[in-house]
Amino acid sequence: CAEMMHELIGKGTKNFILGHLSENNNTHEK
């Protein structure tokens, strides 16, 4: 996700929502 966001920012996107987080393999903070 981070790598793709970097690419998208370079193409002009400035607003992001991180979604579809795993309940067992991720946290909001991570």
PDB file of all heavy atoms in Angstrom:
ATOM      1  N   CYS A   1       0.832  -1.201   0.000  1.00  0.00           N
ATOM      2  CA  CYS A   1       0.000   0.000   0.000  1.00  0.00           C
ATOM      3  C   CYS A   1       0.868   1.253   0.000  1.00  0.00           C
ATOM      4  O   CYS A   1       0.616   2.196  -0.758  1.00  0.00           O
ATOM      5  CB  CYS A   1      -0.919  -0.023   1.216  1.00  0.00           C
ATOM      6  SG  CYS A   1      -1.920   1.462   1.423  1.00  0.00           S
ATOM      7  N   ALA A   2       1.895   1.276   0.847  1.00  0.00           N
ATOM      8  CA  ALA A   2       2.780   2.440   0.938  1.00  0.00           C
ATOM      9  C   ALA A   2       3.453   2.725  -0.396  1.00  0.00           C
ATOM     10  O   ALA A   2       3.537   3.888  -0.836  1.00  0.00           O
ATOM     11  CB  ALA A   2       3.829   2.207   2.021  1.00  0.00           C
ATOM     12  N   GLU A   3       3.929   1.678  -1.050  1.00  0.00           N
ATOM     13  CA  GLU A   3       4.591   1.856  -2.353  1.00  0.00           C
ATOM     14  C   GLU A   3       3.623   2.385  -3.395  1.00  0.00           C
ATOM     15  O   GLU A   3       3.967   3.258  -4.205  1.00  0.00           O
ATOM     16  CB  GLU A   3       5.195   0.524  -2.795  1.00  0.00           C
ATOM     17  CG  GLU A   3       6.360   0.074  -1.921  1.00  0.00           C
ATOM     18  CD  GLU A   3       6.762  -1.369  -2.169  1.00  0.00           C
ATOM     19  OE1 GLU A   3       6.111  -2.031  -3.022  1.00  0.00           O
ATOM     20  OE2 GLU A   3       7.718  -1.834  -1.515  1.00  0.00           O
ATOM     21  N   MET A   4       2.390   1.866  -3.382  1.00  0.00           N
ATOM     22  CA  MET A   4       1.400   2.329  -4.344  1.00  0.00           C
ATOM     23  C   MET A   4       0.990   3.768  -4.062  1.00  0.00           C
ATOM     24  O   MET A   4       0.799   4.568  -4.984  1.00  0.00           O
ATOM     25  CB  MET A   4       0.165   1.417  -4.303  1.00  0.00           C
ATOM     26  CG  MET A   4      -0.813   1.658  -5.445  1.00  0.00           C
ATOM     27  SD  MET A   4      -0.080   1.272  -7.041  1.00  0.00           S
ATOM     28  CE  MET A   4      -0.601   2.684  -8.015  1.00  0.00           C
ATOM     29  N   MET A   5       0.881   4.127  -2.791  1.00  0.00           N
ATOM     30  CA  MET A   5       0.554   5.506  -2.449  1.00  0.00           C
ATOM     31  C   MET A   5       1.628   6.458  -2.951  1.00  0.00           C
ATOM     32  O   MET A   5       1.314   7.548  -3.468  1.00  0.00           O
ATOM     33  CB  MET A   5       0.381   5.651  -0.935  1.00  0.00           C
ATOM     34  CG  MET A   5      -0.928   5.100  -0.418  1.00  0.00           C
ATOM     35  SD  MET A   5      -1.067   5.177   1.403  1.00  0.00           S
ATOM     36  CE  MET A   5      -0.983   6.947   1.697  1.00  0.00           C
ATOM     37  N   HIS A   6       2.883   6.073  -2.816  1.00  0.00           N
ATOM     38  CA  HIS A   6       3.977   6.912  -3.314  1.00  0.00           C
ATOM     39  C   HIS A   6       3.827   7.152  -4.809  1.00  0.00           C
ATOM     40  O   HIS A   6       3.987   8.283  -5.303  1.00  0.00           O
ATOM     41  CB  HIS A   6       5.314   6.244  -3.020  1.00  0.00           C
ATOM     42  CG  HIS A   6       6.492   7.039  -3.489  1.00  0.00           C
ATOM     43  ND1 HIS A   6       7.357   6.603  -4.467  1.00  0.00           N
ATOM     44  CD2 HIS A   6       6.941   8.276  -3.115  1.00  0.00           C
ATOM     45  CE1 HIS A   6       8.279   7.514  -4.671  1.00  0.00           C
ATOM     46  NE2 HIS A   6       8.060   8.536  -3.865  1.00  0.00           N
ATOM     47  N   GLU A   7       3.477   6.106  -5.532  1.00  0.00           N
ATOM     48  CA  GLU A   7       3.288   6.228  -6.975  1.00  0.00           C
ATOM     49  C   GLU A   7       2.090   7.121  -7.292  1.00  0.00           C
ATOM     50  O   GLU A   7       2.156   7.966  -8.192  1.00  0.00           O
ATOM     51  CB  GLU A   7       3.081   4.826  -7.566  1.00  0.00           C
ATOM     52  CG  GLU A   7       3.291   4.744  -9.059  1.00  0.00           C
ATOM     53  CD  GLU A   7       3.406   3.310  -9.557  1.00  0.00           C
ATOM     54  OE1 GLU A   7       3.804   2.424  -8.768  1.00  0.00           O
ATOM     55  OE2 GLU A   7       3.095   3.089 -10.735  1.00  0.00           O
ATOM     56  N   LEU A   8       1.008   6.960  -6.541  1.00  0.00           N
ATOM     57  CA  LEU A   8      -0.199   7.752  -6.786  1.00  0.00           C
ATOM     58  C   LEU A   8       0.015   9.223  -6.453  1.00  0.00           C
ATOM     59  O   LEU A   8      -0.481  10.111  -7.164  1.00  0.00           O
ATOM     60  CB  LEU A   8      -1.363   7.191  -5.959  1.00  0.00           C
ATOM     61  CG  LEU A   8      -1.919   5.846  -6.431  1.00  0.00           C
ATOM     62  CD1 LEU A   8      -2.839   5.255  -5.379  1.00  0.00           C
ATOM     63  CD2 LEU A   8      -2.664   6.011  -7.744  1.00  0.00           C
ATOM     64  N   ILE A   9       0.739   9.503  -5.365  1.00  0.00           N
ATOM     65  CA  ILE A   9       1.033  10.892  -5.024  1.00  0.00           C
ATOM     66  C   ILE A   9       1.813  11.553  -6.153  1.00  0.00           C
ATOM     67  O   ILE A   9       1.571  12.718  -6.507  1.00  0.00           O
ATOM     68  CB  ILE A   9       1.805  10.970  -3.695  1.00  0.00           C
ATOM     69  CG1 ILE A   9       0.906  10.542  -2.538  1.00  0.00           C
ATOM     70  CG2 ILE A   9       2.329  12.388  -3.446  1.00  0.00           C
ATOM     71  CD1 ILE A   9       1.627  10.331  -1.226  1.00  0.00           C
ATOM     72  N   GLY A  10       2.724  10.793  -6.748  1.00  0.00           N
ATOM     73  CA  GLY A  10       3.482  11.319  -7.882  1.00  0.00           C
ATOM     74  C   GLY A  10       2.622  11.632  -9.085  1.00  0.00           C
ATOM     75  O   GLY A  10       3.005  12.448  -9.937  1.00  0.00           O
ATOM     76  N   LYS A  11       1.436  11.008  -9.154  1.00  0.00           N
ATOM     77  CA  LYS A  11       0.502  11.257 -10.255  1.00  0.00           C
ATOM     78  C   LYS A  11      -0.605  12.236  -9.876  1.00  0.00           C
ATOM     79  O   LYS A  11      -1.531  12.464 -10.658  1.00  0.00           O
ATOM     80  CB  LYS A  11      -0.121   9.935 -10.707  1.00  0.00           C
ATOM     81  CG  LYS A  11       0.877   8.930 -11.274  1.00  0.00           C
ATOM     82  CD  LYS A  11       1.472   9.413 -12.593  1.00  0.00           C
ATOM     83  CE  LYS A  11       2.377   8.340 -13.183  1.00  0.00           C
ATOM     84  NZ  LYS A  11       2.935   8.746 -14.516  1.00  0.00           N
ATOM     85  N   GLY A  12      -0.527  12.792  -8.656  1.00  0.00           N
ATOM     86  CA  GLY A  12      -1.447  13.870  -8.306  1.00  0.00           C
ATOM     87  C   GLY A  12      -2.471  13.583  -7.235  1.00  0.00           C
ATOM     88  O   GLY A  12      -3.196  14.490  -6.817  1.00  0.00           O
ATOM     89  N   THR A  13      -2.576  12.342  -6.759  1.00  0.00           N
ATOM     90  CA  THR A  13      -3.550  12.024  -5.710  1.00  0.00           C
ATOM     91  C   THR A  13      -3.022  12.496  -4.356  1.00  0.00           C
ATOM     92  O   THR A  13      -1.876  12.239  -4.014  1.00  0.00           O
ATOM     93  CB  THR A  13      -3.830  10.510  -5.659  1.00  0.00           C
ATOM     94  OG1 THR A  13      -4.269  10.071  -6.945  1.00  0.00           O
ATOM     95  CG2 THR A  13      -4.903  10.182  -4.634  1.00  0.00           C
ATOM     96  N   LYS A  14      -3.893  13.151  -3.592  1.00  0.00           N
ATOM     97  CA  LYS A  14      -3.462  13.707  -2.304  1.00  0.00           C
ATOM     98  C   LYS A  14      -4.283  13.205  -1.123  1.00  0.00           C
ATOM     99  O   LYS A  14      -3.895  13.430   0.025  1.00  0.00           O
ATOM    100  CB  LYS A  14      -3.552  15.234  -2.344  1.00  0.00           C
ATOM    101  CG  LYS A  14      -2.750  15.884  -3.462  1.00  0.00           C
ATOM    102  CD  LYS A  14      -1.254  15.608  -3.335  1.00  0.00           C
ATOM    103  CE  LYS A  14      -0.472  16.316  -4.435  1.00  0.00           C
ATOM    104  NZ  LYS A  14       0.969  15.956  -4.421  1.00  0.00           N
ATOM    105  N   ASN A  15      -5.399  12.527  -1.362  1.00  0.00           N
ATOM    106  CA  ASN A  15      -6.306  12.141  -0.281  1.00  0.00           C
ATOM    107  C   ASN A  15      -6.491  10.630  -0.257  1.00  0.00           C
ATOM    108  O   ASN A  15      -6.915  10.026  -1.251  1.00  0.00           O
ATOM    109  CB  ASN A  15      -7.668  12.821  -0.476  1.00  0.00           C
ATOM    110  CG  ASN A  15      -7.552  14.332  -0.478  1.00  0.00           C
ATOM    111  OD1 ASN A  15      -7.274  14.936   0.556  1.00  0.00           O
ATOM    112  ND2 ASN A  15      -7.752  14.944  -1.629  1.00  0.00           N
ATOM    113  N   PHE A  16      -6.195  10.025   0.904  1.00  0.00           N
ATOM    114  CA  PHE A  16      -6.209   8.572   1.014  1.00  0.00           C
ATOM    115  C   PHE A  16      -6.963   8.111   2.255  1.00  0.00           C
ATOM    116  O   PHE A  16      -6.894   8.737   3.311  1.00  0.00           O
ATOM    117  CB  PHE A  16      -4.776   8.030   1.110  1.00  0.00           C
ATOM    118  CG  PHE A  16      -3.931   8.312  -0.094  1.00  0.00           C
ATOM    119  CD1 PHE A  16      -3.202   9.496  -0.188  1.00  0.00           C
ATOM    120  CD2 PHE A  16      -3.863   7.404  -1.145  1.00  0.00           C
ATOM    121  CE1 PHE A  16      -2.413   9.768  -1.304  1.00  0.00           C
ATOM    122  CE2 PHE A  16      -3.084   7.668  -2.261  1.00  0.00           C
ATOM    123  CZ  PHE A  16      -2.353   8.853  -2.337  1.00  0.00           C
ATOM    124  N   ILE A  17      -7.672   6.996   2.103  1.00  0.00           N
ATOM    125  CA  ILE A  17      -8.222   6.262   3.230  1.00  0.00           C
ATOM    126  C   ILE A  17      -7.666   4.848   3.141  1.00  0.00           C
ATOM    127  O   ILE A  17      -7.790   4.183   2.099  1.00  0.00           O
ATOM    128  CB  ILE A  17      -9.760   6.212   3.212  1.00  0.00           C
ATOM    129  CG1 ILE A  17     -10.355   7.626   3.280  1.00  0.00           C
ATOM    130  CG2 ILE A  17     -10.280   5.366   4.376  1.00  0.00           C
ATOM    131  CD1 ILE A  17     -11.875   7.652   3.167  1.00  0.00           C
ATOM    132  N   LEU A  18      -7.025   4.377   4.220  1.00  0.00           N
ATOM    133  CA  LEU A  18      -6.540   3.000   4.262  1.00  0.00           C
ATOM    134  C   LEU A  18      -7.695   2.111   4.701  1.00  0.00           C
ATOM    135  O   LEU A  18      -8.341   2.366   5.714  1.00  0.00           O
ATOM    136  CB  LEU A  18      -5.387   2.864   5.256  1.00  0.00           C
ATOM    137  CG  LEU A  18      -4.219   3.848   5.117  1.00  0.00           C
ATOM    138  CD1 LEU A  18      -3.130   3.505   6.128  1.00  0.00           C
ATOM    139  CD2 LEU A  18      -3.660   3.829   3.699  1.00  0.00           C
ATOM    140  N   GLY A  19      -7.967   1.047   3.919  1.00  0.00           N
ATOM    141  CA  GLY A  19      -9.126   0.223   4.212  1.00  0.00           C
ATOM    142  C   GLY A  19      -8.870  -1.261   4.104  1.00  0.00           C
ATOM    143  O   GLY A  19      -7.784  -1.706   3.745  1.00  0.00           O
ATOM    144  N   HIS A  20      -9.914  -2.022   4.430  1.00  0.00           N
ATOM    145  CA  HIS A  20      -9.914  -3.481   4.358  1.00  0.00           C
ATOM    146  C   HIS A  20      -8.799  -4.087   5.210  1.00  0.00           C
ATOM    147  O   HIS A  20      -8.127  -5.041   4.796  1.00  0.00           O
ATOM    148  CB  HIS A  20      -9.820  -3.962   2.916  1.00  0.00           C
ATOM    149  CG  HIS A  20     -10.455  -5.308   2.689  1.00  0.00           C
ATOM    150  ND1 HIS A  20      -9.957  -6.458   3.255  1.00  0.00           N
ATOM    151  CD2 HIS A  20     -11.537  -5.683   1.969  1.00  0.00           C
ATOM    152  CE1 HIS A  20     -10.704  -7.481   2.882  1.00  0.00           C
ATOM    153  NE2 HIS A  20     -11.690  -7.033   2.113  1.00  0.00           N
ATOM    154  N   LEU A  21      -8.570  -3.545   6.399  1.00  0.00           N
ATOM    155  CA  LEU A  21      -7.547  -4.089   7.298  1.00  0.00           C
ATOM    156  C   LEU A  21      -7.979  -5.440   7.856  1.00  0.00           C
ATOM    157  O   LEU A  21      -9.151  -5.623   8.218  1.00  0.00           O
ATOM    158  CB  LEU A  21      -7.287  -3.134   8.458  1.00  0.00           C
ATOM    159  CG  LEU A  21      -6.283  -1.998   8.230  1.00  0.00           C
ATOM    160  CD1 LEU A  21      -6.789  -1.004   7.209  1.00  0.00           C
ATOM    161  CD2 LEU A  21      -5.982  -1.298   9.545  1.00  0.00           C
ATOM    162  N   SER A  22      -7.047  -6.363   7.925  1.00  0.00           N
ATOM    163  CA  SER A  22      -7.295  -7.652   8.560  1.00  0.00           C
ATOM    164  C   SER A  22      -7.502  -7.463  10.056  1.00  0.00           C
ATOM    165  O   SER A  22      -6.808  -6.677  10.706  1.00  0.00           O
ATOM    166  CB  SER A  22      -6.112  -8.593   8.321  1.00  0.00           C
ATOM    167  OG  SER A  22      -6.218  -9.745   9.139  1.00  0.00           O
ATOM    168  N   GLU A  23      -8.455  -8.230  10.596  1.00  0.00           N
ATOM    169  CA  GLU A  23      -8.713  -8.140  12.031  1.00  0.00           C
ATOM    170  C   GLU A  23      -7.620  -8.841  12.838  1.00  0.00           C
ATOM    171  O   GLU A  23      -7.362  -8.479  13.989  1.00  0.00           O
ATOM    172  CB  GLU A  23     -10.071  -8.769  12.343  1.00  0.00           C
ATOM    173  CG  GLU A  23     -10.607  -8.418  13.705  1.00  0.00           C
ATOM    174  CD  GLU A  23     -12.106  -8.627  13.821  1.00  0.00           C
ATOM    175  OE1 GLU A  23     -12.692  -9.306  12.958  1.00  0.00           O
ATOM    176  OE2 GLU A  23     -12.690  -8.106  14.792  1.00  0.00           O
ATOM    177  N   ASN A  24      -6.957  -9.830  12.214  1.00  0.00           N
ATOM    178  CA  ASN A  24      -5.976 -10.647  12.935  1.00  0.00           C
ATOM    179  C   ASN A  24      -4.525 -10.354  12.561  1.00  0.00           C
ATOM    180  O   ASN A  24      -3.612 -10.725  13.298  1.00  0.00           O
ATOM    181  CB  ASN A  24      -6.257 -12.135  12.698  1.00  0.00           C
ATOM    182  CG  ASN A  24      -7.617 -12.552  13.204  1.00  0.00           C
ATOM    183  OD1 ASN A  24      -7.951 -12.319  14.360  1.00  0.00           O
ATOM    184  ND2 ASN A  24      -8.421 -13.151  12.348  1.00  0.00           N
ATOM    185  N   ASN A  25      -4.314  -9.727  11.413  1.00  0.00           N
ATOM    186  CA  ASN A  25      -2.952  -9.550  10.906  1.00  0.00           C
ATOM    187  C   ASN A  25      -2.569  -8.089  10.695  1.00  0.00           C
ATOM    188  O   ASN A  25      -1.632  -7.798   9.945  1.00  0.00           O
ATOM    189  CB  ASN A  25      -2.784 -10.313   9.590  1.00  0.00           C
ATOM    190  CG  ASN A  25      -3.014 -11.792   9.754  1.00  0.00           C
ATOM    191  OD1 ASN A  25      -2.344 -12.446  10.550  1.00  0.00           O
ATOM    192  ND2 ASN A  25      -3.988 -12.330   9.019  1.00  0.00           N
ATOM    193  N   ASN A  26      -3.290  -7.178  11.350  1.00  0.00           N
ATOM    194  CA  ASN A  26      -2.981  -5.760  11.191  1.00  0.00           C
ATOM    195  C   ASN A  26      -3.605  -4.977  12.330  1.00  0.00           C
ATOM    196  O   ASN A  26      -4.459  -5.490  13.065  1.00  0.00           O
ATOM    197  CB  ASN A  26      -3.522  -5.250   9.850  1.00  0.00           C
ATOM    198  CG  ASN A  26      -2.717  -4.100   9.285  1.00  0.00           C
ATOM    199  OD1 ASN A  26      -1.785  -3.610   9.909  1.00  0.00           O
ATOM    200  ND2 ASN A  26      -3.059  -3.679   8.079  1.00  0.00           N
ATOM    201  N   THR A  27      -3.183  -3.736  12.492  1.00  0.00           N
ATOM    202  CA  THR A  27      -3.832  -2.792  13.400  1.00  0.00           C
ATOM    203  C   THR A  27      -3.878  -1.437  12.706  1.00  0.00           C
ATOM    204  O   THR A  27      -3.120  -1.174  11.761  1.00  0.00           O
ATOM    205  CB  THR A  27      -3.061  -2.642  14.726  1.00  0.00           C
ATOM    206  OG1 THR A  27      -1.790  -2.016  14.459  1.00  0.00           O
ATOM    207  CG2 THR A  27      -2.840  -3.994  15.392  1.00  0.00           C
ATOM    208  N   HIS A  28      -4.761  -0.578  13.178  1.00  0.00           N
ATOM    209  CA  HIS A  28      -4.816   0.781  12.632  1.00  0.00           C
ATOM    210  C   HIS A  28      -3.456   1.458  12.750  1.00  0.00           C
ATOM    211  O   HIS A  28      -2.987   2.128  11.824  1.00  0.00           O
ATOM    212  CB  HIS A  28      -5.869   1.609  13.376  1.00  0.00           C
ATOM    213  CG  HIS A  28      -7.267   1.407  12.893  1.00  0.00           C
ATOM    214  ND1 HIS A  28      -7.830   0.165  12.731  1.00  0.00           N
ATOM    215  CD2 HIS A  28      -8.230   2.305  12.526  1.00  0.00           C
ATOM    216  CE1 HIS A  28      -9.069   0.293  12.295  1.00  0.00           C
ATOM    217  NE2 HIS A  28      -9.337   1.590  12.163  1.00  0.00           N
ATOM    218  N   GLU A  29      -2.821   1.274  13.917  1.00  0.00           N
ATOM    219  CA  GLU A  29      -1.549   1.947  14.176  1.00  0.00           C
ATOM    220  C   GLU A  29      -0.454   1.451  13.235  1.00  0.00           C
ATOM    221  O   GLU A  29       0.318   2.258  12.691  1.00  0.00           O
ATOM    222  CB  GLU A  29      -1.138   1.727  15.625  1.00  0.00           C
ATOM    223  CG  GLU A  29      -2.052   2.374  16.659  1.00  0.00           C
ATOM    224  CD  GLU A  29      -3.367   1.642  16.868  1.00  0.00           C
ATOM    225  OE1 GLU A  29      -3.458   0.442  16.484  1.00  0.00           O
ATOM    226  OE2 GLU A  29      -4.310   2.261  17.402  1.00  0.00           O
ATOM    227  N   LYS A  30      -0.389   0.131  13.038  1.00  0.00           N
ATOM    228  CA  LYS A  30       0.650  -0.421  12.163  1.00  0.00           C
ATOM    229  C   LYS A  30       0.446   0.046  10.721  1.00  0.00           C
ATOM    230  O   LYS A  30       1.415   0.404  10.036  1.00  0.00           O
ATOM    231  CB  LYS A  30       0.644  -1.952  12.220  1.00  0.00           C
ATOM    232  CG  LYS A  30       1.381  -2.521  13.424  1.00  0.00           C
ATOM    233  CD  LYS A  30       1.514  -4.029  13.322  1.00  0.00           C
ATOM    234  CE  LYS A  30       2.319  -4.579  14.488  1.00  0.00           C
ATOM    235  NZ  LYS A  30       3.738  -4.148  14.437  1.00  0.00           N
TER     236      LYS A  30
END
